[in-house]
N, C-alpha and C. Protein backbone atom coordinates (compact mmCIF):
# COMPACT_ATOMS: atom_id res chain seq x y z
N MET A 1 112.29 88.07 102.38
CA MET A 1 112.59 89.44 102.70
C MET A 1 112.80 90.20 101.40
N LEU A 2 112.24 91.41 101.33
CA LEU A 2 112.45 92.25 100.17
C LEU A 2 113.84 92.85 100.23
N VAL A 3 114.52 92.86 99.12
CA VAL A 3 115.83 93.46 99.06
C VAL A 3 115.74 94.61 98.07
N ALA A 4 115.86 95.82 98.58
CA ALA A 4 115.73 96.97 97.71
C ALA A 4 116.37 98.18 98.36
N LYS A 5 116.77 99.13 97.53
CA LYS A 5 117.32 100.37 98.06
C LYS A 5 116.21 101.38 98.29
N ASP A 6 115.02 101.12 97.77
CA ASP A 6 113.90 102.03 97.91
C ASP A 6 113.46 102.09 99.37
N PRO A 7 113.44 103.27 99.99
CA PRO A 7 113.07 103.36 101.40
C PRO A 7 111.63 102.93 101.67
N PHE A 8 110.73 103.15 100.69
CA PHE A 8 109.34 102.73 100.87
C PHE A 8 109.24 101.21 100.94
N LEU A 9 109.98 100.52 100.05
CA LEU A 9 109.96 99.06 100.06
C LEU A 9 110.62 98.53 101.32
N ALA A 10 111.67 99.18 101.78
CA ALA A 10 112.34 98.74 103.00
C ALA A 10 111.37 98.83 104.18
N GLU A 11 110.60 99.90 104.25
CA GLU A 11 109.61 100.06 105.33
C GLU A 11 108.50 99.03 105.20
N PHE A 12 108.04 98.79 103.97
CA PHE A 12 107.00 97.78 103.71
C PHE A 12 107.49 96.41 104.18
N ASP A 13 108.74 96.08 103.85
CA ASP A 13 109.33 94.81 104.25
C ASP A 13 109.44 94.70 105.76
N ARG A 14 109.90 95.77 106.40
CA ARG A 14 110.06 95.76 107.85
C ARG A 14 108.71 95.54 108.53
N LEU A 15 107.69 96.23 108.07
CA LEU A 15 106.37 96.08 108.68
C LEU A 15 105.80 94.69 108.44
N THR A 16 105.99 94.17 107.24
CA THR A 16 105.50 92.82 106.93
C THR A 16 106.13 91.79 107.85
N HIS A 17 107.44 91.88 108.03
CA HIS A 17 108.12 90.92 108.89
C HIS A 17 107.78 91.13 110.36
N GLN A 18 107.54 92.38 110.74
CA GLN A 18 107.16 92.66 112.13
C GLN A 18 105.80 92.04 112.44
N VAL A 19 104.87 92.17 111.51
CA VAL A 19 103.52 91.66 111.74
C VAL A 19 103.43 90.15 111.55
N PHE A 20 104.11 89.62 110.51
CA PHE A 20 103.93 88.21 110.15
C PHE A 20 105.11 87.31 110.48
N GLY A 21 106.17 87.86 110.97
CA GLY A 21 107.34 87.03 111.29
C GLY A 21 108.14 86.74 110.04
N GLY A 22 108.77 85.59 110.02
CA GLY A 22 109.68 85.21 108.94
C GLY A 22 109.03 85.17 107.58
N SER A 23 109.80 84.74 106.59
CA SER A 23 109.31 84.75 105.22
C SER A 23 109.07 83.34 104.70
N ASP A 24 108.55 82.46 105.57
CA ASP A 24 108.34 81.08 105.13
C ASP A 24 107.25 80.96 104.08
N GLY A 25 106.32 81.94 104.02
CA GLY A 25 105.32 81.97 102.97
C GLY A 25 104.36 80.80 102.99
N VAL A 26 104.17 80.14 104.13
CA VAL A 26 103.27 79.00 104.22
C VAL A 26 101.86 79.45 103.87
N GLY A 27 101.24 78.76 102.93
CA GLY A 27 99.86 79.04 102.57
C GLY A 27 99.70 80.06 101.48
N MET A 28 100.33 81.20 101.60
CA MET A 28 100.19 82.29 100.63
C MET A 28 101.55 82.90 100.33
N PRO A 29 102.40 82.21 99.59
CA PRO A 29 103.69 82.82 99.25
C PRO A 29 103.47 84.02 98.34
N MET A 30 104.26 85.07 98.54
CA MET A 30 104.07 86.28 97.74
C MET A 30 105.39 86.90 97.33
N ASP A 31 105.33 87.71 96.30
CA ASP A 31 106.42 88.58 95.86
C ASP A 31 105.86 90.00 95.84
N VAL A 32 106.70 90.97 96.10
CA VAL A 32 106.31 92.37 95.97
C VAL A 32 107.37 93.03 95.10
N ILE A 33 106.90 93.72 94.06
CA ILE A 33 107.82 94.42 93.18
C ILE A 33 107.39 95.87 93.06
N ARG A 34 108.32 96.72 92.67
CA ARG A 34 108.01 98.12 92.40
C ARG A 34 108.00 98.28 90.90
N ARG A 35 106.88 98.76 90.35
CA ARG A 35 106.74 98.97 88.92
C ARG A 35 106.30 100.42 88.70
N GLY A 36 107.27 101.26 88.36
CA GLY A 36 106.96 102.68 88.18
C GLY A 36 106.53 103.30 89.49
N ASP A 37 105.33 103.88 89.49
CA ASP A 37 104.79 104.54 90.68
C ASP A 37 103.81 103.65 91.45
N GLU A 38 104.02 102.33 91.39
CA GLU A 38 103.14 101.45 92.14
C GLU A 38 103.89 100.24 92.65
N LEU A 39 103.33 99.64 93.70
CA LEU A 39 103.81 98.34 94.17
C LEU A 39 102.88 97.29 93.59
N VAL A 40 103.42 96.13 93.25
CA VAL A 40 102.60 95.02 92.78
C VAL A 40 102.89 93.84 93.70
N VAL A 41 101.83 93.35 94.33
CA VAL A 41 101.93 92.19 95.21
C VAL A 41 101.39 91.00 94.42
N ARG A 42 102.20 89.96 94.29
CA ARG A 42 101.78 88.75 93.57
C ARG A 42 101.73 87.61 94.57
N ILE A 43 100.57 86.98 94.65
CA ILE A 43 100.33 85.92 95.63
C ILE A 43 99.92 84.65 94.91
N ASP A 44 100.59 83.55 95.20
CA ASP A 44 100.24 82.26 94.60
C ASP A 44 99.02 81.68 95.30
N LEU A 45 97.99 81.41 94.52
CA LEU A 45 96.76 80.79 95.03
C LEU A 45 96.30 79.70 94.05
N PRO A 46 97.14 78.68 93.83
CA PRO A 46 96.77 77.66 92.84
C PRO A 46 95.52 76.89 93.25
N GLY A 47 94.69 76.63 92.27
CA GLY A 47 93.50 75.83 92.51
C GLY A 47 92.36 76.57 93.17
N VAL A 48 92.49 77.88 93.37
CA VAL A 48 91.43 78.67 94.00
C VAL A 48 90.63 79.36 92.90
N ALA A 49 89.30 79.24 92.97
CA ALA A 49 88.45 79.92 92.00
C ALA A 49 88.45 81.42 92.28
N ARG A 50 88.35 82.23 91.24
CA ARG A 50 88.36 83.69 91.41
C ARG A 50 87.27 84.14 92.37
N GLU A 51 86.12 83.50 92.32
CA GLU A 51 85.00 83.87 93.19
C GLU A 51 85.28 83.58 94.66
N ALA A 52 86.27 82.74 94.93
CA ALA A 52 86.60 82.35 96.32
C ALA A 52 87.71 83.21 96.92
N ILE A 53 88.07 84.30 96.22
CA ILE A 53 89.11 85.21 96.71
C ILE A 53 88.44 86.50 97.18
N SER A 54 88.86 86.96 98.33
CA SER A 54 88.32 88.19 98.89
C SER A 54 89.47 89.14 99.23
N LEU A 55 89.32 90.40 98.84
CA LEU A 55 90.30 91.45 99.15
C LEU A 55 89.60 92.57 99.90
N ASP A 56 90.17 92.98 101.02
CA ASP A 56 89.63 94.10 101.78
C ASP A 56 90.78 95.03 102.14
N LEU A 57 90.52 96.33 102.04
CA LEU A 57 91.51 97.33 102.42
C LEU A 57 90.87 98.23 103.47
N ASP A 58 91.47 98.26 104.66
CA ASP A 58 90.94 99.06 105.75
C ASP A 58 92.10 99.59 106.59
N GLN A 59 92.16 100.90 106.74
CA GLN A 59 93.19 101.53 107.57
C GLN A 59 94.60 101.09 107.18
N HIS A 60 94.88 101.07 105.89
CA HIS A 60 96.20 100.70 105.34
C HIS A 60 96.58 99.25 105.63
N VAL A 61 95.60 98.40 105.82
CA VAL A 61 95.85 96.96 105.96
C VAL A 61 95.06 96.24 104.87
N LEU A 62 95.79 95.52 104.03
CA LEU A 62 95.18 94.74 102.97
C LEU A 62 95.01 93.31 103.47
N THR A 63 93.78 92.82 103.46
CA THR A 63 93.51 91.44 103.88
C THR A 63 93.12 90.63 102.65
N VAL A 64 93.86 89.56 102.41
CA VAL A 64 93.58 88.66 101.30
C VAL A 64 93.10 87.35 101.89
N SER A 65 91.92 86.90 101.49
CA SER A 65 91.38 85.63 101.95
C SER A 65 91.05 84.77 100.74
N ALA A 66 91.24 83.46 100.89
CA ALA A 66 90.94 82.53 99.81
C ALA A 66 90.39 81.24 100.41
N GLU A 67 89.51 80.62 99.66
CA GLU A 67 88.90 79.37 100.14
C GLU A 67 89.03 78.31 99.06
N ARG A 68 89.46 77.13 99.49
CA ARG A 68 89.59 76.00 98.57
C ARG A 68 89.32 74.73 99.37
N HIS A 69 88.58 73.84 98.77
CA HIS A 69 88.27 72.58 99.44
C HIS A 69 88.69 71.41 98.55
N ALA A 70 89.34 70.45 99.16
CA ALA A 70 89.77 69.26 98.44
C ALA A 70 88.55 68.49 97.95
N ALA A 71 88.68 67.89 96.79
CA ALA A 71 87.57 67.17 96.18
C ALA A 71 87.71 65.66 96.35
N TYR A 72 88.11 65.23 97.55
CA TYR A 72 88.25 63.79 97.80
C TYR A 72 86.92 63.25 98.28
N ASP A 73 86.55 62.06 97.78
CA ASP A 73 85.32 61.46 98.28
C ASP A 73 85.61 60.77 99.62
N GLN A 74 84.57 60.40 100.29
CA GLN A 74 84.67 59.81 101.63
C GLN A 74 85.41 58.48 101.64
N GLU A 75 85.41 57.76 100.51
CA GLU A 75 86.01 56.44 100.46
C GLU A 75 87.50 56.47 100.12
N THR A 76 88.03 57.62 99.73
CA THR A 76 89.44 57.74 99.36
C THR A 76 90.25 58.20 100.56
N PRO A 77 91.13 57.33 101.07
CA PRO A 77 91.94 57.77 102.21
C PRO A 77 93.02 58.78 101.77
N VAL A 78 93.15 59.83 102.53
CA VAL A 78 94.18 60.83 102.25
C VAL A 78 95.38 60.46 103.10
N LEU A 79 96.50 60.15 102.47
CA LEU A 79 97.69 59.72 103.19
C LEU A 79 98.57 60.90 103.60
N VAL A 80 98.67 61.90 102.73
CA VAL A 80 99.44 63.11 103.02
C VAL A 80 98.67 64.28 102.43
N GLN A 81 98.49 65.33 103.22
CA GLN A 81 97.83 66.52 102.70
C GLN A 81 98.61 67.75 103.15
N GLU A 82 99.38 68.32 102.23
CA GLU A 82 100.18 69.51 102.52
C GLU A 82 99.56 70.76 101.91
N ARG A 83 98.71 70.60 100.91
CA ARG A 83 98.06 71.76 100.30
C ARG A 83 96.93 72.21 101.20
N PHE A 84 96.71 73.51 101.27
CA PHE A 84 95.68 74.00 102.18
C PHE A 84 94.30 73.55 101.74
N ASP A 85 93.46 73.33 102.73
CA ASP A 85 92.07 72.95 102.52
C ASP A 85 91.26 73.78 103.50
N GLY A 86 90.37 74.58 102.97
CA GLY A 86 89.58 75.47 103.83
C GLY A 86 89.85 76.92 103.45
N THR A 87 89.85 77.78 104.45
CA THR A 87 90.05 79.21 104.24
C THR A 87 91.39 79.64 104.81
N ILE A 88 92.13 80.41 104.02
CA ILE A 88 93.38 80.99 104.51
C ILE A 88 93.31 82.49 104.27
N SER A 89 94.08 83.23 105.04
CA SER A 89 94.12 84.66 104.82
C SER A 89 95.48 85.21 105.21
N ARG A 90 95.76 86.37 104.69
CA ARG A 90 97.02 87.05 104.98
C ARG A 90 96.73 88.54 105.04
N ARG A 91 97.30 89.19 106.04
CA ARG A 91 97.13 90.64 106.20
C ARG A 91 98.47 91.32 105.95
N LEU A 92 98.42 92.36 105.13
CA LEU A 92 99.61 93.11 104.80
C LEU A 92 99.39 94.58 105.10
N ARG A 93 100.27 95.17 105.87
CA ARG A 93 100.21 96.61 106.10
C ARG A 93 100.85 97.28 104.88
N ILE A 94 100.08 98.16 104.25
CA ILE A 94 100.59 98.82 103.06
C ILE A 94 101.02 100.24 103.41
N PRO A 95 101.96 100.80 102.66
CA PRO A 95 102.47 102.13 102.97
C PRO A 95 101.38 103.21 102.92
N GLU A 96 101.57 104.24 103.71
CA GLU A 96 100.62 105.36 103.78
C GLU A 96 100.46 106.06 102.43
N TRP A 97 101.49 106.00 101.58
CA TRP A 97 101.45 106.74 100.32
C TRP A 97 100.66 106.04 99.23
N VAL A 98 100.09 104.87 99.50
CA VAL A 98 99.28 104.15 98.51
C VAL A 98 97.90 104.80 98.42
N ASP A 99 97.42 105.00 97.20
CA ASP A 99 96.09 105.55 96.95
C ASP A 99 95.06 104.41 97.03
N GLY A 100 94.43 104.27 98.18
CA GLY A 100 93.50 103.17 98.42
C GLY A 100 92.32 103.14 97.47
N ASP A 101 91.93 104.29 96.91
CA ASP A 101 90.79 104.34 96.00
C ASP A 101 91.12 103.77 94.62
N ARG A 102 92.41 103.63 94.32
CA ARG A 102 92.80 103.13 93.00
C ARG A 102 93.43 101.75 93.05
N VAL A 103 93.38 101.06 94.17
CA VAL A 103 93.93 99.70 94.27
C VAL A 103 93.10 98.79 93.36
N SER A 104 93.78 97.94 92.61
CA SER A 104 93.08 97.01 91.71
C SER A 104 93.73 95.64 91.81
N ALA A 105 93.04 94.63 91.27
CA ALA A 105 93.56 93.26 91.34
C ALA A 105 93.19 92.49 90.09
N GLU A 106 94.07 91.54 89.74
CA GLU A 106 93.84 90.62 88.62
C GLU A 106 94.17 89.22 89.10
N TYR A 107 93.52 88.22 88.53
CA TYR A 107 93.80 86.83 88.89
C TYR A 107 93.91 86.01 87.62
N ALA A 108 95.09 85.43 87.39
CA ALA A 108 95.31 84.62 86.20
C ALA A 108 96.30 83.51 86.52
N ASP A 109 96.01 82.32 86.04
CA ASP A 109 96.91 81.17 86.17
C ASP A 109 97.30 80.90 87.62
N GLY A 110 96.36 81.10 88.55
CA GLY A 110 96.63 80.80 89.96
C GLY A 110 97.44 81.85 90.69
N VAL A 111 97.64 83.01 90.05
CA VAL A 111 98.41 84.08 90.69
C VAL A 111 97.53 85.32 90.80
N LEU A 112 97.38 85.81 92.03
CA LEU A 112 96.65 87.05 92.29
C LEU A 112 97.65 88.19 92.26
N SER A 113 97.39 89.21 91.45
CA SER A 113 98.23 90.40 91.39
C SER A 113 97.43 91.58 91.90
N VAL A 114 97.96 92.24 92.92
CA VAL A 114 97.29 93.40 93.51
C VAL A 114 98.18 94.61 93.23
N MET A 115 97.60 95.60 92.53
CA MET A 115 98.34 96.80 92.19
C MET A 115 98.02 97.89 93.21
N LEU A 116 99.09 98.44 93.81
CA LEU A 116 98.96 99.47 94.84
C LEU A 116 99.61 100.75 94.32
N PRO A 117 98.82 101.64 93.69
CA PRO A 117 99.39 102.84 93.08
C PRO A 117 99.72 103.93 94.11
N MET A 118 100.73 104.71 93.78
CA MET A 118 101.13 105.82 94.64
C MET A 118 100.09 106.94 94.52
N ALA A 119 99.72 107.52 95.64
CA ALA A 119 98.78 108.63 95.64
C ALA A 119 99.42 109.82 94.94
N GLU A 120 98.60 110.61 94.25
CA GLU A 120 99.11 111.77 93.49
C GLU A 120 99.89 112.72 94.39
N GLN A 121 99.40 112.98 95.60
CA GLN A 121 100.08 113.91 96.50
C GLN A 121 101.41 113.36 97.02
N ALA A 122 101.65 112.07 96.88
CA ALA A 122 102.91 111.48 97.34
C ALA A 122 103.95 111.43 96.24
N ARG A 123 103.55 111.72 95.01
CA ARG A 123 104.50 111.65 93.89
C ARG A 123 105.49 112.81 93.96
N PRO A 124 106.73 112.53 93.61
CA PRO A 124 107.71 113.62 93.59
C PRO A 124 107.34 114.64 92.52
N ARG A 125 107.60 115.89 92.80
CA ARG A 125 107.33 116.93 91.83
C ARG A 125 108.43 117.98 91.87
N ARG A 126 108.62 118.63 90.75
CA ARG A 126 109.64 119.67 90.62
C ARG A 126 109.01 120.99 91.03
N ILE A 127 109.72 121.74 91.85
CA ILE A 127 109.25 123.04 92.31
C ILE A 127 110.20 124.09 91.74
N SER A 128 109.65 125.06 91.03
CA SER A 128 110.51 126.09 90.46
C SER A 128 110.81 127.13 91.53
N VAL A 129 111.99 127.68 91.43
CA VAL A 129 112.43 128.70 92.37
C VAL A 129 112.54 130.01 91.62
N ALA A 130 111.80 131.01 92.09
CA ALA A 130 111.83 132.32 91.46
C ALA A 130 112.88 133.19 92.13
N VAL A 131 113.45 134.10 91.37
CA VAL A 131 114.39 135.08 91.91
C VAL A 131 113.58 136.14 92.63
N GLY A 132 114.10 136.66 93.73
CA GLY A 132 113.38 137.63 94.54
C GLY A 132 112.75 138.76 93.77
N SER A 133 113.43 139.35 92.80
CA SER A 133 112.88 140.48 92.04
C SER A 133 111.72 140.03 91.15
N GLU A 134 111.75 138.77 90.68
CA GLU A 134 110.65 138.26 89.87
C GLU A 134 109.37 138.19 90.68
N GLN A 135 109.48 137.80 91.94
CA GLN A 135 108.30 137.72 92.80
C GLN A 135 107.69 139.10 92.99
N LYS A 136 108.53 140.14 93.20
CA LYS A 136 108.02 141.50 93.39
C LYS A 136 107.34 141.99 92.12
N THR A 137 107.93 141.70 90.97
CA THR A 137 107.35 142.11 89.70
C THR A 137 106.00 141.44 89.48
N LEU A 138 105.90 140.13 89.78
CA LEU A 138 104.64 139.41 89.64
C LEU A 138 103.59 139.98 90.57
N ALA A 139 103.95 140.31 91.81
CA ALA A 139 103.01 140.86 92.77
C ALA A 139 102.53 142.24 92.32
N ALA A 140 103.44 143.08 91.79
CA ALA A 140 103.08 144.42 91.32
C ALA A 140 102.13 144.32 90.12
N ASP A 141 102.42 143.40 89.19
CA ASP A 141 101.56 143.21 88.03
C ASP A 141 100.16 142.77 88.44
N ALA A 142 100.08 141.89 89.42
CA ALA A 142 98.79 141.40 89.89
C ALA A 142 98.01 142.52 90.54
N THR A 143 98.68 143.41 91.32
CA THR A 143 98.01 144.51 92.00
C THR A 143 97.49 145.50 90.98
N GLU A 144 98.29 145.81 89.96
CA GLU A 144 97.88 146.77 88.93
C GLU A 144 96.69 146.25 88.14
N SER A 145 96.62 144.94 87.94
CA SER A 145 95.51 144.40 87.15
C SER A 145 94.25 144.19 87.99
N GLY A 146 94.34 144.45 89.30
CA GLY A 146 93.19 144.29 90.18
C GLY A 146 93.07 142.91 90.77
N SER A 147 93.98 142.03 90.45
CA SER A 147 93.96 140.68 91.01
C SER A 147 94.69 140.69 92.36
N PRO A 148 94.24 139.89 93.32
CA PRO A 148 94.96 139.82 94.59
C PRO A 148 96.32 139.17 94.37
N ALA A 149 97.33 139.61 95.09
CA ALA A 149 98.67 139.09 94.95
C ALA A 149 98.84 137.77 95.64
């Protein structure tokens, strides 16, 4: 479970647990951190080749799929196999404020990092407040110069 005071992360955590249940992390354990104006999802995928990882983003759902096959020959009996063999996937609902066109990913040392940047329109911005007489003066100046107010 994510523990944060950030309301966006709290909503992300709630949705993740609602869709996927508990946080046992079987198959694809992950961490999610907030770094500036983006979320970073880090997923452990040891032993998976970069070419065997697939990322899809559709309707604010990020789907991560990975494929890995054990390299045991037919003559070697497998007594215990807890590491995944085959294809696994995980779907994460991402917040509406993420800019889907700028999502990027890196894979190093068995860890997939997916960067989910905040959309420009979702970023906080300072709005200046004009005094009533300033607005009238600006409108009068615009009218005198021929510009629409």
